[in-house]
Amino acid sequence: MELKVCSRCAEPKPEADWHPSQWRKSGRWCRDCMSAYYKARLADTPERNYDPRPCAWCGDVYIPRTRGRASSFCNRECKDQARKRRERDERLASKAANDRRCAHCGSSISADKRRDARYCSDLCNQRAHGRITTTKRRNRRIYMEVLMHSGCVCQLCGESVSLVVKWPHPMSPSIDHIVPVSHGGTDDLDNLRLTHLTCNVRRGAKAC
């Protein structure tokens, strides 16, 4: 077995007792001498000692191994868990500071809900989606009435409208407001007509 003499303790030691960066260099110290040197140099600093201490997360007593900053955790896992808990508490505090209101009932949304939560409870979520479903059914009924009234003919260009073509094809069917909503138009059946999507887009918000 190849041995190397430490220049500090003057003892021949095998390769396992040396740091890989120090093994092939002359006049170097072994691991034990390097560790003792840094421990003695930092012994006067209370925050940087090697005394056993309890972990700030799990509570287990451990001996710190770092020579720099004073450690508070026994391993990386405990440090990550403490960081996640700290970030979670900060998120809860920020959400509690903001007055978030339910999009359905208007009541306050609790801090344990997600940051992008729009409803205070599952019941409000179901009711809101039920209301949306009802609106979709009403729009479908209006669409069929406009279709029957227009006779599958575009009221802007006069050509036939194919019901097979789907959005967003330019020739797909579209509902146009005769008097645009931006000009005070309503969703009444008398103010609606069937057009091609491209004709509707080309017309825009013109009043005529």
C-alpha atoms as a PDB file:
ATOM      1  CA  MET A   1       0.000   0.000   0.000  1.00  0.00           C
ATOM      2  CA  GLU A   2       1.356   3.388  -0.961  1.00  0.00           C
ATOM      3  CA  LEU A   3       1.793   5.790   1.961  1.00  0.00           C
ATOM      4  CA  LYS A   4       2.442   9.513   2.132  1.00  0.00           C
ATOM      5  CA  VAL A   5       3.860  11.472   5.079  1.00  0.00           C
ATOM      6  CA  CYS A   6       1.813  14.414   6.317  1.00  0.00           C
ATOM      7  CA  SER A   7       3.913  17.547   6.682  1.00  0.00           C
ATOM      8  CA  ARG A   8       2.012  18.545   9.840  1.00  0.00           C
ATOM      9  CA  CYS A   9       1.732  15.407  11.951  1.00  0.00           C
ATOM     10  CA  ALA A  10       4.685  13.627  10.235  1.00  0.00           C
ATOM     11  CA  GLU A  11       2.794  10.349  10.084  1.00  0.00           C
ATOM     12  CA  PRO A  12       2.664   8.126   6.981  1.00  0.00           C
ATOM     13  CA  LYS A  13      -0.943   7.648   5.922  1.00  0.00           C
ATOM     14  CA  PRO A  14      -2.695   5.824   3.054  1.00  0.00           C
ATOM     15  CA  GLU A  15      -4.514   7.524   0.207  1.00  0.00           C
ATOM     16  CA  ALA A  16      -7.900   7.157   1.950  1.00  0.00           C
ATOM     17  CA  ASP A  17      -6.771   9.614   4.661  1.00  0.00           C
ATOM     18  CA  TRP A  18      -6.077  12.344   2.128  1.00  0.00           C
ATOM     19  CA  HIS A  19      -8.237  14.650   0.113  1.00  0.00           C
ATOM     20  CA  PRO A  20      -8.001  13.790  -3.618  1.00  0.00           C
ATOM     21  CA  SER A  21      -6.620  17.252  -4.421  1.00  0.00           C
ATOM     22  CA  GLN A  22      -3.816  16.855  -1.833  1.00  0.00           C
ATOM     23  CA  TRP A  23      -2.682  13.273  -2.489  1.00  0.00           C
ATOM     24  CA  ARG A  24      -0.359  13.924  -5.472  1.00  0.00           C
ATOM     25  CA  LYS A  25       1.134  17.139  -4.066  1.00  0.00           C
ATOM     26  CA  SER A  26       4.135  17.330  -1.750  1.00  0.00           C
ATOM     27  CA  GLY A  27       4.173  19.172   1.558  1.00  0.00           C
ATOM     28  CA  ARG A  28       0.412  18.828   2.186  1.00  0.00           C
ATOM     29  CA  TRP A  29      -1.693  17.979   5.227  1.00  0.00           C
ATOM     30  CA  CYS A  30      -3.897  14.953   5.667  1.00  0.00           C
ATOM     31  CA  ARG A  31      -7.662  15.131   6.264  1.00  0.00           C
ATOM     32  CA  ASP A  32      -7.378  14.944  10.071  1.00  0.00           C
ATOM     33  CA  CYS A  33      -4.813  17.741  10.252  1.00  0.00           C
ATOM     34  CA  MET A  34      -6.785  19.964   7.912  1.00  0.00           C
ATOM     35  CA  SER A  35      -9.968  19.375   9.930  1.00  0.00           C
ATOM     36  CA  ALA A  36      -8.221  20.061  13.249  1.00  0.00           C
ATOM     37  CA  TYR A  37      -6.671  23.233  11.856  1.00  0.00           C
ATOM     38  CA  TYR A  38      -9.972  24.714  10.678  1.00  0.00           C
ATOM     39  CA  LYS A  39     -11.764  23.693  13.859  1.00  0.00           C
ATOM     40  CA  ALA A  40      -9.124  25.400  15.977  1.00  0.00           C
ATOM     41  CA  ARG A  41      -9.200  28.519  13.816  1.00  0.00           C
ATOM     42  CA  LEU A  42     -12.973  28.852  14.063  1.00  0.00           C
ATOM     43  CA  ALA A  43     -13.309  27.765  17.681  1.00  0.00           C
ATOM     44  CA  ASP A  44     -13.394  31.367  18.949  1.00  0.00           C
ATOM     45  CA  THR A  45     -16.489  32.192  16.873  1.00  0.00           C
ATOM     46  CA  PRO A  46     -19.656  31.095  18.775  1.00  0.00           C
ATOM     47  CA  GLU A  47     -21.753  30.837  15.602  1.00  0.00           C
ATOM     48  CA  ARG A  48     -19.124  28.708  13.865  1.00  0.00           C
ATOM     49  CA  ASN A  49     -18.224  26.026  16.357  1.00  0.00           C
ATOM     50  CA  TYR A  50     -18.506  22.270  16.052  1.00  0.00           C
ATOM     51  CA  ASP A  51     -20.436  21.611  19.245  1.00  0.00           C
ATOM     52  CA  PRO A  52     -23.398  19.223  18.977  1.00  0.00           C
ATOM     53  CA  ARG A  53     -26.670  21.065  18.460  1.00  0.00           C
ATOM     54  CA  PRO A  54     -30.323  20.195  17.798  1.00  0.00           C
ATOM     55  CA  CYS A  55     -31.634  20.403  14.240  1.00  0.00           C
ATOM     56  CA  ALA A  56     -33.999  23.335  13.731  1.00  0.00           C
ATOM     57  CA  TRP A  57     -36.439  21.093  11.816  1.00  0.00           C
ATOM     58  CA  CYS A  58     -36.422  17.533  13.171  1.00  0.00           C
ATOM     59  CA  GLY A  59     -34.827  18.192  16.586  1.00  0.00           C
ATOM     60  CA  ASP A  60     -32.152  15.492  16.302  1.00  0.00           C
ATOM     61  CA  VAL A  61     -28.777  16.337  17.822  1.00  0.00           C
ATOM     62  CA  TYR A  62     -25.988  16.482  15.253  1.00  0.00           C
ATOM     63  CA  ILE A  63     -22.395  17.683  14.881  1.00  0.00           C
ATOM     64  CA  PRO A  64     -22.024  20.349  12.153  1.00  0.00           C
ATOM     65  CA  ARG A  65     -19.568  19.625   9.374  1.00  0.00           C
ATOM     66  CA  THR A  66     -19.319  23.023   7.660  1.00  0.00           C
ATOM     67  CA  ARG A  67     -16.460  25.422   8.259  1.00  0.00           C
ATOM     68  CA  GLY A  68     -18.255  28.511   6.959  1.00  0.00           C
ATOM     69  CA  ARG A  69     -21.731  29.642   7.967  1.00  0.00           C
ATOM     70  CA  ALA A  70     -23.246  28.267  11.121  1.00  0.00           C
ATOM     71  CA  SER A  71     -25.562  25.408  10.174  1.00  0.00           C
ATOM     72  CA  SER A  72     -29.014  24.958  11.668  1.00  0.00           C
ATOM     73  CA  PHE A  73     -30.072  21.666  10.051  1.00  0.00           C
ATOM     74  CA  CYS A  74     -28.673  18.159  10.266  1.00  0.00           C
ATOM     75  CA  ASN A  75     -28.978  17.413   6.528  1.00  0.00           C
ATOM     76  CA  ARG A  76     -30.170  18.784   3.221  1.00  0.00           C
ATOM     77  CA  GLU A  77     -33.615  17.217   3.488  1.00  0.00           C
ATOM     78  CA  CYS A  78     -34.410  19.037   6.731  1.00  0.00           C
ATOM     79  CA  LYS A  79     -33.173  22.296   5.226  1.00  0.00           C
ATOM     80  CA  ASP A  80     -35.422  21.868   2.180  1.00  0.00           C
ATOM     81  CA  GLN A  81     -38.420  21.011   4.351  1.00  0.00           C
ATOM     82  CA  ALA A  82     -37.874  24.116   6.470  1.00  0.00           C
ATOM     83  CA  ARG A  83     -37.541  26.269   3.340  1.00  0.00           C
ATOM     84  CA  LYS A  84     -40.800  24.879   1.910  1.00  0.00           C
ATOM     85  CA  ARG A  85     -42.600  25.545   5.209  1.00  0.00           C
ATOM     86  CA  ARG A  86     -41.248  29.103   5.303  1.00  0.00           C
ATOM     87  CA  GLU A  87     -42.347  29.756   1.706  1.00  0.00           C
ATOM     88  CA  ARG A  88     -45.773  28.269   2.446  1.00  0.00           C
ATOM     89  CA  ASP A  89     -46.227  30.525   5.486  1.00  0.00           C
ATOM     90  CA  GLU A  90     -45.237  33.539   3.388  1.00  0.00           C
ATOM     91  CA  ARG A  91     -47.790  32.615   0.710  1.00  0.00           C
ATOM     92  CA  LEU A  92     -50.531  32.197   3.313  1.00  0.00           C
ATOM     93  CA  ALA A  93     -49.643  35.544   4.855  1.00  0.00           C
ATOM     94  CA  SER A  94     -49.743  37.297   1.482  1.00  0.00           C
ATOM     95  CA  LYS A  95     -53.096  35.710   0.602  1.00  0.00           C
ATOM     96  CA  ALA A  96     -54.523  36.659   3.989  1.00  0.00           C
ATOM     97  CA  ALA A  97     -53.461  40.267   3.431  1.00  0.00           C
ATOM     98  CA  ASN A  98     -55.362  40.445   0.117  1.00  0.00           C
ATOM     99  CA  ASP A  99     -59.150  40.658   0.282  1.00  0.00           C
ATOM    100  CA  ARG A 100     -60.120  37.962  -2.208  1.00  0.00           C
ATOM    101  CA  ARG A 101     -63.824  37.604  -2.987  1.00  0.00           C
ATOM    102  CA  CYS A 102     -65.759  34.654  -4.383  1.00  0.00           C
ATOM    103  CA  ALA A 103     -66.812  35.189  -7.993  1.00  0.00           C
ATOM    104  CA  HIS A 104     -70.225  33.617  -7.278  1.00  0.00           C
ATOM    105  CA  CYS A 105     -71.416  34.655  -3.824  1.00  0.00           C
ATOM    106  CA  GLY A 106     -69.011  37.527  -3.059  1.00  0.00           C
ATOM    107  CA  SER A 107     -67.860  36.153   0.301  1.00  0.00           C
ATOM    108  CA  SER A 108     -64.220  36.180   1.388  1.00  0.00           C
ATOM    109  CA  ILE A 109     -61.948  33.355   0.167  1.00  0.00           C
ATOM    110  CA  SER A 110     -59.943  31.710   2.947  1.00  0.00           C
ATOM    111  CA  ALA A 111     -56.141  31.805   2.926  1.00  0.00           C
ATOM    112  CA  ASP A 112     -55.808  28.017   2.599  1.00  0.00           C
ATOM    113  CA  LYS A 113     -57.269  28.169  -0.909  1.00  0.00           C
ATOM    114  CA  ARG A 114     -55.011  28.315  -3.937  1.00  0.00           C
ATOM    115  CA  ARG A 115     -53.683  31.694  -5.033  1.00  0.00           C
ATOM    116  CA  ASP A 116     -55.722  31.554  -8.260  1.00  0.00           C
ATOM    117  CA  ALA A 117     -58.921  30.324  -6.555  1.00  0.00           C
ATOM    118  CA  ARG A 118     -62.063  32.098  -7.796  1.00  0.00           C
ATOM    119  CA  TYR A 119     -64.677  30.459  -5.552  1.00  0.00           C
ATOM    120  CA  CYS A 120     -64.878  30.137  -1.788  1.00  0.00           C
ATOM    121  CA  SER A 121     -66.190  26.544  -1.808  1.00  0.00           C
ATOM    122  CA  ASP A 122     -66.978  23.597  -4.055  1.00  0.00           C
ATOM    123  CA  LEU A 123     -70.663  24.450  -3.795  1.00  0.00           C
ATOM    124  CA  CYS A 124     -70.107  27.918  -5.283  1.00  0.00           C
ATOM    125  CA  ASN A 125     -67.927  26.367  -7.955  1.00  0.00           C
ATOM    126  CA  GLN A 126     -70.695  23.927  -8.940  1.00  0.00           C
ATOM    127  CA  ARG A 127     -73.356  26.624  -8.875  1.00  0.00           C
ATOM    128  CA  ALA A 128     -71.266  28.946 -11.006  1.00  0.00           C
ATOM    129  CA  HIS A 129     -70.617  26.260 -13.589  1.00  0.00           C
ATOM    130  CA  GLY A 130     -74.268  25.341 -13.583  1.00  0.00           C
ATOM    131  CA  ARG A 131     -75.127  28.951 -14.338  1.00  0.00           C
ATOM    132  CA  ILE A 132     -72.604  28.963 -17.183  1.00  0.00           C
ATOM    133  CA  THR A 133     -74.131  25.773 -18.570  1.00  0.00           C
ATOM    134  CA  THR A 134     -77.564  27.390 -18.487  1.00  0.00           C
ATOM    135  CA  THR A 135     -76.193  30.405 -20.393  1.00  0.00           C
ATOM    136  CA  LYS A 136     -74.689  28.111 -23.030  1.00  0.00           C
ATOM    137  CA  ARG A 137     -78.031  26.370 -23.494  1.00  0.00           C
ATOM    138  CA  ARG A 138     -79.769  29.741 -23.883  1.00  0.00           C
ATOM    139  CA  ASN A 139     -77.183  30.823 -26.484  1.00  0.00           C
ATOM    140  CA  ARG A 140     -77.693  27.564 -28.348  1.00  0.00           C
ATOM    141  CA  ARG A 141     -81.456  28.169 -28.454  1.00  0.00           C
ATOM    142  CA  ILE A 142     -80.944  31.733 -29.766  1.00  0.00           C
ATOM    143  CA  TYR A 143     -78.535  30.408 -32.397  1.00  0.00           C
ATOM    144  CA  MET A 144     -81.140  27.935 -33.672  1.00  0.00           C
ATOM    145  CA  GLU A 145     -83.833  30.643 -33.809  1.00  0.00           C
ATOM    146  CA  VAL A 146     -81.531  32.982 -35.782  1.00  0.00           C
ATOM    147  CA  LEU A 147     -80.650  30.109 -38.093  1.00  0.00           C
ATOM    148  CA  MET A 148     -84.299  29.354 -38.818  1.00  0.00           C
ATOM    149  CA  HIS A 149     -85.101  33.054 -39.325  1.00  0.00           C
ATOM    150  CA  SER A 150     -82.182  33.663 -41.730  1.00  0.00           C
ATOM    151  CA  GLY A 151     -82.626  30.474 -43.748  1.00  0.00           C
ATOM    152  CA  CYS A 152     -78.915  29.537 -43.839  1.00  0.00           C
ATOM    153  CA  VAL A 153     -78.082  32.650 -45.890  1.00  0.00           C
ATOM    154  CA  CYS A 154     -75.437  35.201 -44.919  1.00  0.00           C
ATOM    155  CA  GLN A 155     -77.215  38.499 -44.311  1.00  0.00           C
ATOM    156  CA  LEU A 156     -74.129  40.503 -45.356  1.00  0.00           C
ATOM    157  CA  CYS A 157     -72.908  38.874 -48.586  1.00  0.00           C
ATOM    158  CA  GLY A 158     -76.087  36.963 -49.568  1.00  0.00           C
ATOM    159  CA  GLU A 159     -74.327  33.617 -50.059  1.00  0.00           C
ATOM    160  CA  SER A 160     -75.342  30.380 -48.362  1.00  0.00           C
ATOM    161  CA  VAL A 161     -73.861  29.446 -44.992  1.00  0.00           C
ATOM    162  CA  SER A 162     -72.695  25.854 -44.536  1.00  0.00           C
ATOM    163  CA  LEU A 163     -73.428  24.391 -41.119  1.00  0.00           C
ATOM    164  CA  VAL A 164     -70.787  21.707 -41.646  1.00  0.00           C
ATOM    165  CA  VAL A 165     -67.903  24.172 -41.569  1.00  0.00           C
ATOM    166  CA  LYS A 166     -66.637  24.678 -38.028  1.00  0.00           C
ATOM    167  CA  TRP A 167     -65.042  27.639 -36.315  1.00  0.00           C
ATOM    168  CA  PRO A 168     -62.451  29.147 -36.885  1.00  0.00           C
ATOM    169  CA  HIS A 169     -62.896  28.579 -40.616  1.00  0.00           C
ATOM    170  CA  PRO A 170     -63.615  31.935 -42.363  1.00  0.00           C
ATOM    171  CA  MET A 171     -66.833  30.557 -43.888  1.00  0.00           C
ATOM    172  CA  SER A 172     -68.171  29.082 -40.648  1.00  0.00           C
ATOM    173  CA  PRO A 173     -71.532  30.420 -39.358  1.00  0.00           C
ATOM    174  CA  SER A 174     -71.457  33.402 -37.012  1.00  0.00           C
ATOM    175  CA  ILE A 175     -74.058  35.522 -35.202  1.00  0.00           C
ATOM    176  CA  ASP A 176     -73.845  39.253 -35.964  1.00  0.00           C
ATOM    177  CA  HIS A 177     -75.470  42.143 -34.099  1.00  0.00           C
ATOM    178  CA  ILE A 178     -77.265  44.491 -36.500  1.00  0.00           C
ATOM    179  CA  VAL A 179     -76.704  47.325 -34.061  1.00  0.00           C
ATOM    180  CA  PRO A 180     -73.316  46.563 -32.425  1.00  0.00           C
ATOM    181  CA  VAL A 181     -73.188  46.109 -28.688  1.00  0.00           C
ATOM    182  CA  SER A 182     -70.654  48.938 -28.499  1.00  0.00           C
ATOM    183  CA  HIS A 183     -73.328  51.202 -30.016  1.00  0.00           C
ATOM    184  CA  GLY A 184     -76.013  50.154 -27.554  1.00  0.00           C
ATOM    185  CA  GLY A 185     -77.253  47.037 -29.374  1.00  0.00           C
ATOM    186  CA  THR A 186     -78.983  44.243 -27.445  1.00  0.00           C
ATOM    187  CA  ASP A 187     -79.079  40.457 -27.681  1.00  0.00           C
ATOM    188  CA  ASP A 188     -82.732  40.452 -28.745  1.00  0.00           C
ATOM    189  CA  LEU A 189     -83.654  38.194 -31.645  1.00  0.00           C
ATOM    190  CA  ASP A 190     -84.605  41.202 -33.802  1.00  0.00           C
ATOM    191  CA  ASN A 191     -81.053  42.531 -33.488  1.00  0.00           C
ATOM    192  CA  LEU A 192     -79.331  39.263 -34.487  1.00  0.00           C
ATOM    193  CA  ARG A 193     -78.635  37.798 -37.923  1.00  0.00           C
ATOM    194  CA  LEU A 194     -76.666  34.945 -39.461  1.00  0.00           C
ATOM    195  CA  THR A 195     -73.407  35.734 -41.291  1.00  0.00           C
ATOM    196  CA  HIS A 196     -70.133  34.150 -42.297  1.00  0.00           C
ATOM    197  CA  LEU A 197     -67.369  34.539 -39.757  1.00  0.00           C
ATOM    198  CA  THR A 198     -65.216  36.440 -42.241  1.00  0.00           C
ATOM    199  CA  CYS A 199     -68.099  38.772 -43.120  1.00  0.00           C
ATOM    200  CA  ASN A 200     -68.745  39.439 -39.448  1.00  0.00           C
ATOM    201  CA  VAL A 201     -65.087  40.166 -38.760  1.00  0.00           C
ATOM    202  CA  ARG A 202     -64.791  42.365 -41.851  1.00  0.00           C
ATOM    203  CA  ARG A 203     -67.777  44.419 -40.772  1.00  0.00           C
ATOM    204  CA  GLY A 204     -66.406  44.928 -37.260  1.00  0.00           C
ATOM    205  CA  ALA A 205     -68.271  47.371 -35.024  1.00  0.00           C
ATOM    206  CA  LYS A 206     -69.719  49.478 -37.801  1.00  0.00           C
ATOM    207  CA  ALA A 207     -73.161  50.845 -37.099  1.00  0.00           C
ATOM    208  CA  CYS A 208     -74.508  50.045 -40.569  1.00  0.00           C
END
